[in-house]
N, C-alpha and C. Protein backbone atom coordinates (compact mmCIF):
# COMPACT_ATOMS: atom_id res chain seq x y z
N MET A 1 7.81 -3.12 2.85
CA MET A 1 8.20 -4.33 2.17
C MET A 1 9.05 -5.20 3.07
N LYS A 2 9.65 -4.63 4.09
CA LYS A 2 10.53 -5.42 4.93
C LYS A 2 9.77 -6.23 5.98
N LEU A 3 8.48 -5.98 6.14
CA LEU A 3 7.69 -6.77 7.07
C LEU A 3 7.47 -8.16 6.48
N PRO A 4 7.22 -9.15 7.32
CA PRO A 4 6.94 -10.49 6.81
C PRO A 4 5.66 -10.48 5.96
N ILE A 5 5.59 -11.37 4.98
CA ILE A 5 4.42 -11.44 4.10
C ILE A 5 3.17 -11.81 4.89
N SER A 6 3.34 -12.37 6.08
CA SER A 6 2.19 -12.76 6.89
C SER A 6 1.52 -11.57 7.58
N SER A 7 2.13 -10.38 7.48
CA SER A 7 1.56 -9.19 8.11
C SER A 7 0.20 -8.85 7.50
N ASP A 8 -0.73 -8.43 8.33
CA ASP A 8 -2.02 -7.96 7.85
C ASP A 8 -2.62 -7.03 8.89
N ARG A 9 -3.84 -6.60 8.66
CA ARG A 9 -4.47 -5.65 9.58
C ARG A 9 -5.12 -6.34 10.76
N GLY A 10 -5.18 -7.66 10.77
CA GLY A 10 -5.75 -8.39 11.88
C GLY A 10 -7.26 -8.30 11.92
N ILE A 11 -7.86 -9.01 12.87
CA ILE A 11 -9.33 -9.03 12.92
C ILE A 11 -9.91 -7.69 13.36
N PHE A 12 -9.10 -6.85 13.99
CA PHE A 12 -9.58 -5.55 14.43
C PHE A 12 -9.06 -4.43 13.52
N GLY A 13 -8.57 -4.77 12.33
CA GLY A 13 -7.90 -3.83 11.45
C GLY A 13 -8.71 -2.60 11.11
N GLY A 14 -10.00 -2.72 10.99
CA GLY A 14 -10.81 -1.58 10.61
C GLY A 14 -11.36 -0.79 11.78
N ARG A 15 -10.85 -1.07 12.96
CA ARG A 15 -11.42 -0.43 14.14
C ARG A 15 -11.08 1.05 14.20
N GLY A 16 -11.90 1.77 14.87
CA GLY A 16 -11.66 3.18 15.11
C GLY A 16 -12.36 3.55 16.39
N GLN A 17 -11.71 4.27 17.24
CA GLN A 17 -12.26 4.58 18.55
C GLN A 17 -13.22 5.75 18.45
N SER A 18 -14.46 5.52 18.86
CA SER A 18 -15.41 6.61 18.95
C SER A 18 -15.29 7.26 20.33
N GLU A 19 -15.97 8.38 20.49
CA GLU A 19 -15.88 9.09 21.75
C GLU A 19 -16.63 8.34 22.84
N GLY A 20 -16.15 8.45 24.06
CA GLY A 20 -16.85 7.87 25.18
C GLY A 20 -15.95 7.02 26.05
N LEU A 21 -16.33 6.90 27.30
CA LEU A 21 -15.56 6.15 28.28
C LEU A 21 -15.53 4.66 27.96
N PHE A 22 -16.66 4.10 27.52
CA PHE A 22 -16.73 2.67 27.23
C PHE A 22 -15.96 2.32 25.95
N SER A 23 -15.88 3.24 25.04
CA SER A 23 -15.15 2.98 23.79
C SER A 23 -13.65 2.82 24.05
N ALA A 24 -13.12 3.54 25.02
CA ALA A 24 -11.70 3.43 25.34
C ALA A 24 -11.36 2.02 25.81
N GLY A 25 -12.24 1.42 26.57
CA GLY A 25 -12.03 0.04 27.02
C GLY A 25 -12.03 -0.94 25.87
N LYS A 26 -12.94 -0.76 24.93
CA LYS A 26 -12.99 -1.63 23.74
C LYS A 26 -11.71 -1.49 22.92
N GLU A 27 -11.23 -0.27 22.76
CA GLU A 27 -10.01 -0.03 21.98
C GLU A 27 -8.81 -0.69 22.66
N THR A 28 -8.73 -0.60 23.97
CA THR A 28 -7.63 -1.22 24.71
C THR A 28 -7.68 -2.73 24.57
N LEU A 29 -8.86 -3.30 24.65
CA LEU A 29 -9.02 -4.75 24.50
C LEU A 29 -8.60 -5.18 23.10
N ALA A 30 -9.04 -4.45 22.09
CA ALA A 30 -8.68 -4.78 20.71
C ALA A 30 -7.18 -4.68 20.50
N ASN A 31 -6.56 -3.66 21.09
CA ASN A 31 -5.12 -3.48 20.93
C ASN A 31 -4.37 -4.60 21.64
N THR A 32 -4.84 -5.03 22.79
CA THR A 32 -4.20 -6.11 23.54
C THR A 32 -4.26 -7.42 22.77
N MET A 33 -5.35 -7.67 22.05
CA MET A 33 -5.53 -8.92 21.33
C MET A 33 -4.88 -8.90 19.95
N THR A 34 -4.31 -7.78 19.54
CA THR A 34 -3.69 -7.65 18.22
C THR A 34 -2.19 -7.91 18.36
N THR A 35 -1.64 -8.76 17.49
CA THR A 35 -0.21 -9.09 17.56
C THR A 35 0.63 -7.87 17.23
N GLN A 36 1.89 -7.93 17.65
CA GLN A 36 2.82 -6.83 17.36
C GLN A 36 3.00 -6.66 15.86
N GLU A 37 3.05 -7.77 15.13
CA GLU A 37 3.21 -7.71 13.68
C GLU A 37 2.08 -6.92 13.03
N VAL A 38 0.85 -7.18 13.48
CA VAL A 38 -0.32 -6.49 12.94
C VAL A 38 -0.28 -5.01 13.34
N GLN A 39 0.06 -4.73 14.59
CA GLN A 39 0.14 -3.35 15.03
C GLN A 39 1.19 -2.58 14.22
N THR A 40 2.33 -3.19 13.97
CA THR A 40 3.39 -2.55 13.19
C THR A 40 2.90 -2.26 11.78
N TYR A 41 2.25 -3.23 11.15
CA TYR A 41 1.73 -3.02 9.79
C TYR A 41 0.73 -1.88 9.76
N ASN A 42 -0.18 -1.84 10.74
CA ASN A 42 -1.19 -0.77 10.77
C ASN A 42 -0.54 0.60 10.90
N VAL A 43 0.52 0.71 11.70
CA VAL A 43 1.22 1.99 11.85
C VAL A 43 1.91 2.37 10.55
N LEU A 44 2.64 1.44 9.94
CA LEU A 44 3.40 1.75 8.74
C LEU A 44 2.51 2.01 7.53
N SER A 45 1.35 1.37 7.47
CA SER A 45 0.49 1.55 6.30
C SER A 45 -0.13 2.94 6.26
N THR A 46 -0.15 3.65 7.38
CA THR A 46 -0.66 5.02 7.34
C THR A 46 0.23 5.92 6.49
N GLY A 47 1.49 5.54 6.34
CA GLY A 47 2.40 6.30 5.49
C GLY A 47 1.96 6.27 4.03
N PHE A 48 1.31 5.18 3.61
CA PHE A 48 0.79 5.11 2.25
C PHE A 48 -0.18 6.25 2.00
N GLN A 49 -1.11 6.42 2.91
CA GLN A 49 -2.13 7.46 2.73
C GLN A 49 -1.52 8.85 2.72
N ARG A 50 -0.55 9.10 3.60
CA ARG A 50 0.10 10.41 3.64
C ARG A 50 0.82 10.69 2.32
N THR A 51 1.53 9.69 1.82
CA THR A 51 2.26 9.87 0.55
C THR A 51 1.29 10.11 -0.59
N LEU A 52 0.20 9.36 -0.62
CA LEU A 52 -0.77 9.54 -1.70
C LEU A 52 -1.47 10.88 -1.61
N ALA A 53 -1.70 11.36 -0.41
CA ALA A 53 -2.30 12.68 -0.26
C ALA A 53 -1.37 13.75 -0.81
N ALA A 54 -0.06 13.58 -0.60
CA ALA A 54 0.91 14.53 -1.14
C ALA A 54 0.93 14.47 -2.66
N ILE A 55 0.83 13.27 -3.21
CA ILE A 55 0.80 13.12 -4.67
C ILE A 55 -0.45 13.80 -5.23
N GLU A 56 -1.58 13.60 -4.57
CA GLU A 56 -2.83 14.21 -5.04
C GLU A 56 -2.74 15.73 -5.05
N SER A 57 -2.17 16.29 -3.99
CA SER A 57 -2.12 17.75 -3.89
C SER A 57 -1.15 18.36 -4.90
N ALA A 58 -0.17 17.59 -5.36
CA ALA A 58 0.80 18.11 -6.31
C ALA A 58 0.41 17.89 -7.76
N GLY A 59 -0.50 16.96 -8.00
CA GLY A 59 -0.84 16.62 -9.38
C GLY A 59 -2.25 17.02 -9.76
N LEU A 60 -2.75 16.36 -10.75
CA LEU A 60 -4.08 16.68 -11.26
C LEU A 60 -5.14 15.70 -10.78
N ALA A 61 -4.78 14.81 -9.84
CA ALA A 61 -5.75 13.84 -9.34
C ALA A 61 -6.78 14.53 -8.46
N PRO A 62 -8.04 14.16 -8.59
CA PRO A 62 -9.07 14.75 -7.71
C PRO A 62 -8.78 14.41 -6.25
N PRO A 63 -9.03 15.34 -5.35
CA PRO A 63 -8.75 15.09 -3.94
C PRO A 63 -9.44 13.82 -3.44
N GLY A 64 -8.67 12.98 -2.76
CA GLY A 64 -9.21 11.75 -2.18
C GLY A 64 -9.22 10.56 -3.13
N SER A 65 -8.96 10.77 -4.41
CA SER A 65 -9.08 9.66 -5.36
C SER A 65 -8.02 8.59 -5.13
N LEU A 66 -6.77 8.99 -4.92
CA LEU A 66 -5.71 8.01 -4.70
C LEU A 66 -5.81 7.39 -3.32
N THR A 67 -6.07 8.20 -2.30
CA THR A 67 -6.17 7.65 -0.95
C THR A 67 -7.36 6.72 -0.85
N HIS A 68 -8.42 6.99 -1.60
CA HIS A 68 -9.56 6.08 -1.61
C HIS A 68 -9.17 4.74 -2.24
N GLN A 69 -8.34 4.78 -3.28
CA GLN A 69 -7.88 3.53 -3.91
C GLN A 69 -7.06 2.70 -2.93
N MET A 70 -6.38 3.34 -2.01
CA MET A 70 -5.54 2.64 -1.04
C MET A 70 -6.35 1.70 -0.16
N GLU A 71 -7.61 2.03 0.07
CA GLU A 71 -8.47 1.16 0.89
C GLU A 71 -8.48 -0.26 0.35
N ALA A 72 -8.42 -0.41 -0.96
CA ALA A 72 -8.49 -1.73 -1.58
C ALA A 72 -7.18 -2.50 -1.49
N VAL A 73 -6.06 -1.82 -1.21
CA VAL A 73 -4.78 -2.51 -1.23
C VAL A 73 -4.13 -2.67 0.14
N ILE A 74 -4.78 -2.24 1.19
CA ILE A 74 -4.28 -2.48 2.54
C ILE A 74 -4.56 -3.94 2.89
N PHE A 75 -3.54 -4.62 3.43
CA PHE A 75 -3.71 -6.03 3.80
C PHE A 75 -4.83 -6.20 4.80
N LYS A 76 -5.55 -7.29 4.64
CA LYS A 76 -6.63 -7.64 5.57
C LYS A 76 -6.44 -9.06 6.04
N ALA A 77 -6.94 -9.37 7.22
CA ALA A 77 -6.86 -10.73 7.73
C ALA A 77 -7.51 -11.67 6.74
N GLY A 78 -6.87 -12.80 6.47
CA GLY A 78 -7.42 -13.77 5.54
C GLY A 78 -6.90 -13.63 4.12
N ASP A 79 -6.20 -12.53 3.81
CA ASP A 79 -5.62 -12.39 2.47
C ASP A 79 -4.57 -13.48 2.27
N SER A 80 -4.58 -14.12 1.10
CA SER A 80 -3.53 -15.09 0.78
C SER A 80 -2.24 -14.34 0.50
N ASN A 81 -1.12 -15.05 0.53
CA ASN A 81 0.15 -14.40 0.23
C ASN A 81 0.15 -13.85 -1.19
N PHE A 82 -0.48 -14.55 -2.14
CA PHE A 82 -0.53 -14.07 -3.51
C PHE A 82 -1.35 -12.78 -3.59
N THR A 83 -2.45 -12.72 -2.86
CA THR A 83 -3.26 -11.50 -2.83
C THR A 83 -2.46 -10.35 -2.26
N LYS A 84 -1.66 -10.61 -1.25
CA LYS A 84 -0.81 -9.56 -0.68
C LYS A 84 0.20 -9.06 -1.72
N LEU A 85 0.77 -9.98 -2.51
CA LEU A 85 1.68 -9.56 -3.57
C LEU A 85 0.95 -8.70 -4.59
N GLN A 86 -0.28 -9.10 -4.93
CA GLN A 86 -1.07 -8.31 -5.87
C GLN A 86 -1.34 -6.91 -5.32
N LYS A 87 -1.62 -6.81 -4.03
CA LYS A 87 -1.89 -5.52 -3.41
C LYS A 87 -0.64 -4.64 -3.41
N LEU A 88 0.53 -5.25 -3.19
CA LEU A 88 1.77 -4.48 -3.24
C LEU A 88 2.04 -3.98 -4.65
N ALA A 89 1.80 -4.84 -5.65
CA ALA A 89 1.99 -4.42 -7.05
C ALA A 89 1.01 -3.31 -7.41
N GLN A 90 -0.20 -3.40 -6.89
CA GLN A 90 -1.19 -2.35 -7.17
C GLN A 90 -0.80 -1.04 -6.49
N THR A 91 -0.23 -1.13 -5.29
CA THR A 91 0.26 0.06 -4.60
C THR A 91 1.32 0.75 -5.46
N ARG A 92 2.24 -0.05 -5.98
CA ARG A 92 3.26 0.50 -6.88
C ARG A 92 2.62 1.20 -8.07
N GLN A 93 1.63 0.56 -8.65
CA GLN A 93 0.95 1.12 -9.82
C GLN A 93 0.24 2.43 -9.48
N ILE A 94 -0.38 2.49 -8.32
CA ILE A 94 -1.07 3.72 -7.89
C ILE A 94 -0.07 4.86 -7.74
N VAL A 95 1.07 4.59 -7.10
CA VAL A 95 2.09 5.63 -6.91
C VAL A 95 2.63 6.09 -8.25
N GLU A 96 2.98 5.14 -9.12
CA GLU A 96 3.54 5.51 -10.43
C GLU A 96 2.53 6.32 -11.24
N SER A 97 1.29 5.87 -11.26
CA SER A 97 0.27 6.59 -12.02
C SER A 97 0.01 7.98 -11.45
N GLY A 98 0.03 8.07 -10.13
CA GLY A 98 -0.22 9.36 -9.49
C GLY A 98 0.87 10.37 -9.77
N LEU A 99 2.09 9.89 -10.00
CA LEU A 99 3.20 10.80 -10.24
C LEU A 99 3.41 11.12 -11.72
N GLU A 100 2.74 10.42 -12.60
CA GLU A 100 2.88 10.68 -14.04
C GLU A 100 2.51 12.12 -14.38
N ASN A 101 1.49 12.66 -13.73
CA ASN A 101 1.06 14.03 -14.01
C ASN A 101 2.18 15.04 -13.75
N ILE A 102 2.96 14.77 -12.72
CA ILE A 102 4.03 15.71 -12.37
C ILE A 102 5.15 15.65 -13.39
N THR A 103 5.56 14.43 -13.77
CA THR A 103 6.68 14.32 -14.71
C THR A 103 6.30 14.77 -16.11
N ALA A 104 5.03 14.71 -16.46
CA ALA A 104 4.59 15.11 -17.80
C ALA A 104 4.25 16.60 -17.90
N ASN A 105 4.13 17.27 -16.77
CA ASN A 105 3.73 18.66 -16.76
C ASN A 105 4.92 19.57 -17.11
N PRO A 106 4.85 20.32 -18.22
CA PRO A 106 5.99 21.17 -18.61
C PRO A 106 6.23 22.34 -17.65
N ARG A 107 5.25 22.66 -16.82
CA ARG A 107 5.41 23.78 -15.88
C ARG A 107 6.11 23.37 -14.59
N VAL A 108 6.30 22.06 -14.40
CA VAL A 108 6.96 21.59 -13.18
C VAL A 108 8.47 21.70 -13.35
N PRO A 109 9.17 22.29 -12.38
CA PRO A 109 10.62 22.44 -12.48
C PRO A 109 11.33 21.09 -12.57
N GLU A 110 12.46 21.07 -13.24
CA GLU A 110 13.24 19.84 -13.42
C GLU A 110 13.65 19.23 -12.08
N GLN A 111 13.94 20.07 -11.08
CA GLN A 111 14.33 19.56 -9.76
C GLN A 111 13.20 18.73 -9.17
N THR A 112 11.98 19.19 -9.34
CA THR A 112 10.83 18.45 -8.82
C THR A 112 10.65 17.15 -9.59
N LYS A 113 10.82 17.22 -10.90
CA LYS A 113 10.72 16.01 -11.72
C LYS A 113 11.78 14.99 -11.32
N ASP A 114 12.99 15.46 -11.03
CA ASP A 114 14.06 14.56 -10.60
C ASP A 114 13.70 13.90 -9.27
N LEU A 115 13.13 14.66 -8.36
CA LEU A 115 12.70 14.10 -7.08
C LEU A 115 11.63 13.03 -7.29
N VAL A 116 10.67 13.31 -8.17
CA VAL A 116 9.60 12.36 -8.46
C VAL A 116 10.19 11.08 -9.05
N LYS A 117 11.17 11.23 -9.92
CA LYS A 117 11.81 10.05 -10.53
C LYS A 117 12.50 9.21 -9.46
N LYS A 118 13.10 9.86 -8.46
CA LYS A 118 13.73 9.12 -7.36
C LYS A 118 12.68 8.37 -6.55
N ILE A 119 11.54 9.00 -6.33
CA ILE A 119 10.45 8.34 -5.59
C ILE A 119 9.98 7.10 -6.35
N VAL A 120 9.82 7.23 -7.65
CA VAL A 120 9.40 6.09 -8.47
C VAL A 120 10.45 4.99 -8.43
N GLU A 121 11.73 5.36 -8.51
CA GLU A 121 12.80 4.37 -8.44
C GLU A 121 12.79 3.64 -7.10
N ARG A 122 12.58 4.37 -6.00
CA ARG A 122 12.51 3.72 -4.68
C ARG A 122 11.32 2.78 -4.60
N THR A 123 10.20 3.20 -5.19
CA THR A 123 9.01 2.35 -5.20
C THR A 123 9.27 1.08 -5.99
N GLU A 124 9.90 1.21 -7.15
CA GLU A 124 10.22 0.05 -7.97
C GLU A 124 11.20 -0.88 -7.27
N LYS A 125 12.12 -0.31 -6.50
CA LYS A 125 13.08 -1.12 -5.75
C LYS A 125 12.37 -1.86 -4.60
N ALA A 126 11.46 -1.17 -3.94
CA ALA A 126 10.74 -1.77 -2.82
C ALA A 126 9.77 -2.85 -3.29
N VAL A 127 9.13 -2.62 -4.43
CA VAL A 127 8.19 -3.59 -5.00
C VAL A 127 8.70 -3.89 -6.42
N PRO A 128 9.61 -4.87 -6.54
CA PRO A 128 10.27 -5.11 -7.83
C PRO A 128 9.47 -5.96 -8.80
N PHE A 129 8.16 -5.94 -8.69
CA PHE A 129 7.31 -6.72 -9.58
C PHE A 129 6.04 -5.93 -9.87
N THR A 130 5.40 -6.29 -10.98
CA THR A 130 4.17 -5.62 -11.40
C THR A 130 3.03 -6.63 -11.44
N GLN A 131 1.83 -6.14 -11.72
CA GLN A 131 0.69 -7.04 -11.87
C GLN A 131 0.95 -8.03 -13.01
N ALA A 132 1.56 -7.56 -14.10
CA ALA A 132 1.85 -8.45 -15.23
C ALA A 132 2.79 -9.58 -14.81
N ASP A 133 3.79 -9.25 -13.98
CA ASP A 133 4.70 -10.28 -13.48
C ASP A 133 3.96 -11.33 -12.66
N LEU A 134 3.02 -10.88 -11.85
CA LEU A 134 2.26 -11.80 -11.01
C LEU A 134 1.33 -12.68 -11.82
N ILE A 135 0.72 -12.12 -12.85
CA ILE A 135 -0.15 -12.91 -13.72
C ILE A 135 0.68 -13.98 -14.42
N GLU A 136 1.85 -13.59 -14.90
CA GLU A 136 2.74 -14.56 -15.56
C GLU A 136 3.17 -15.65 -14.58
N LEU A 137 3.51 -15.26 -13.35
CA LEU A 137 3.88 -16.23 -12.32
C LEU A 137 2.76 -17.23 -12.07
N GLN A 138 1.54 -16.70 -11.95
CA GLN A 138 0.39 -17.56 -11.67
C GLN A 138 0.18 -18.56 -12.82
N GLN A 139 0.35 -18.11 -14.06
CA GLN A 139 0.20 -19.01 -15.20
C GLN A 139 1.29 -20.08 -15.22
N LYS A 140 2.52 -19.69 -14.92
CA LYS A 140 3.62 -20.64 -14.91
C LYS A 140 3.51 -21.65 -13.77
N GLN A 141 2.91 -21.23 -12.66
CA GLN A 141 2.74 -22.14 -11.54
C GLN A 141 1.74 -23.24 -11.86
N GLY A 142 0.92 -23.03 -12.89
CA GLY A 142 0.00 -24.08 -13.32
C GLY A 142 0.75 -25.30 -13.85
N THR A 143 1.90 -25.07 -14.48
CA THR A 143 2.69 -26.18 -15.00
C THR A 143 3.86 -26.52 -14.10
N ASN A 144 4.35 -25.56 -13.36
CA ASN A 144 5.49 -25.79 -12.45
C ASN A 144 5.17 -25.14 -11.11
N PRO A 145 4.57 -25.89 -10.17
CA PRO A 145 4.16 -25.29 -8.88
C PRO A 145 5.33 -24.81 -8.02
N ASN A 146 6.56 -25.20 -8.35
CA ASN A 146 7.73 -24.80 -7.54
C ASN A 146 8.34 -23.49 -8.02
N ILE A 147 7.84 -22.91 -9.11
CA ILE A 147 8.42 -21.66 -9.63
C ILE A 147 8.08 -20.51 -8.68
N THR A 148 9.03 -19.60 -8.55
CA THR A 148 8.83 -18.45 -7.66
C THR A 148 9.05 -17.16 -8.43
N LEU A 149 8.77 -16.07 -7.80
CA LEU A 149 8.89 -14.75 -8.43
C LEU A 149 10.33 -14.32 -8.49
């Protein structure tokens, strides 16, 4: 959340290096042409997938279901700032929904539930808005274009 809203995955965001000598040259060229802001976002966004994988393994979510949802919320070149806000709100929703199974499970120890509650609180602090907030903002901007979140 501390990155500028202009951060995205850049034009090479979906790249992946295949095996081979010539592929290494392409990867180096793509990395050279990618701004530091984009490179930083790409590195930090991998933490989303790791966190979601941990949530999946601890809860009742089918393996890969949450991490697959993350594909839709990673910033991409050309995303408007409003779309980026929507993706952040959706990320919050995915984390909260993924952790509901743990907090509702009577077999989970209270210490674990307390930890999960702290994770949700940190998520809410990092992304202090929901999809409903954004929809309301968009509607209000129709009558007052200067209103902000």
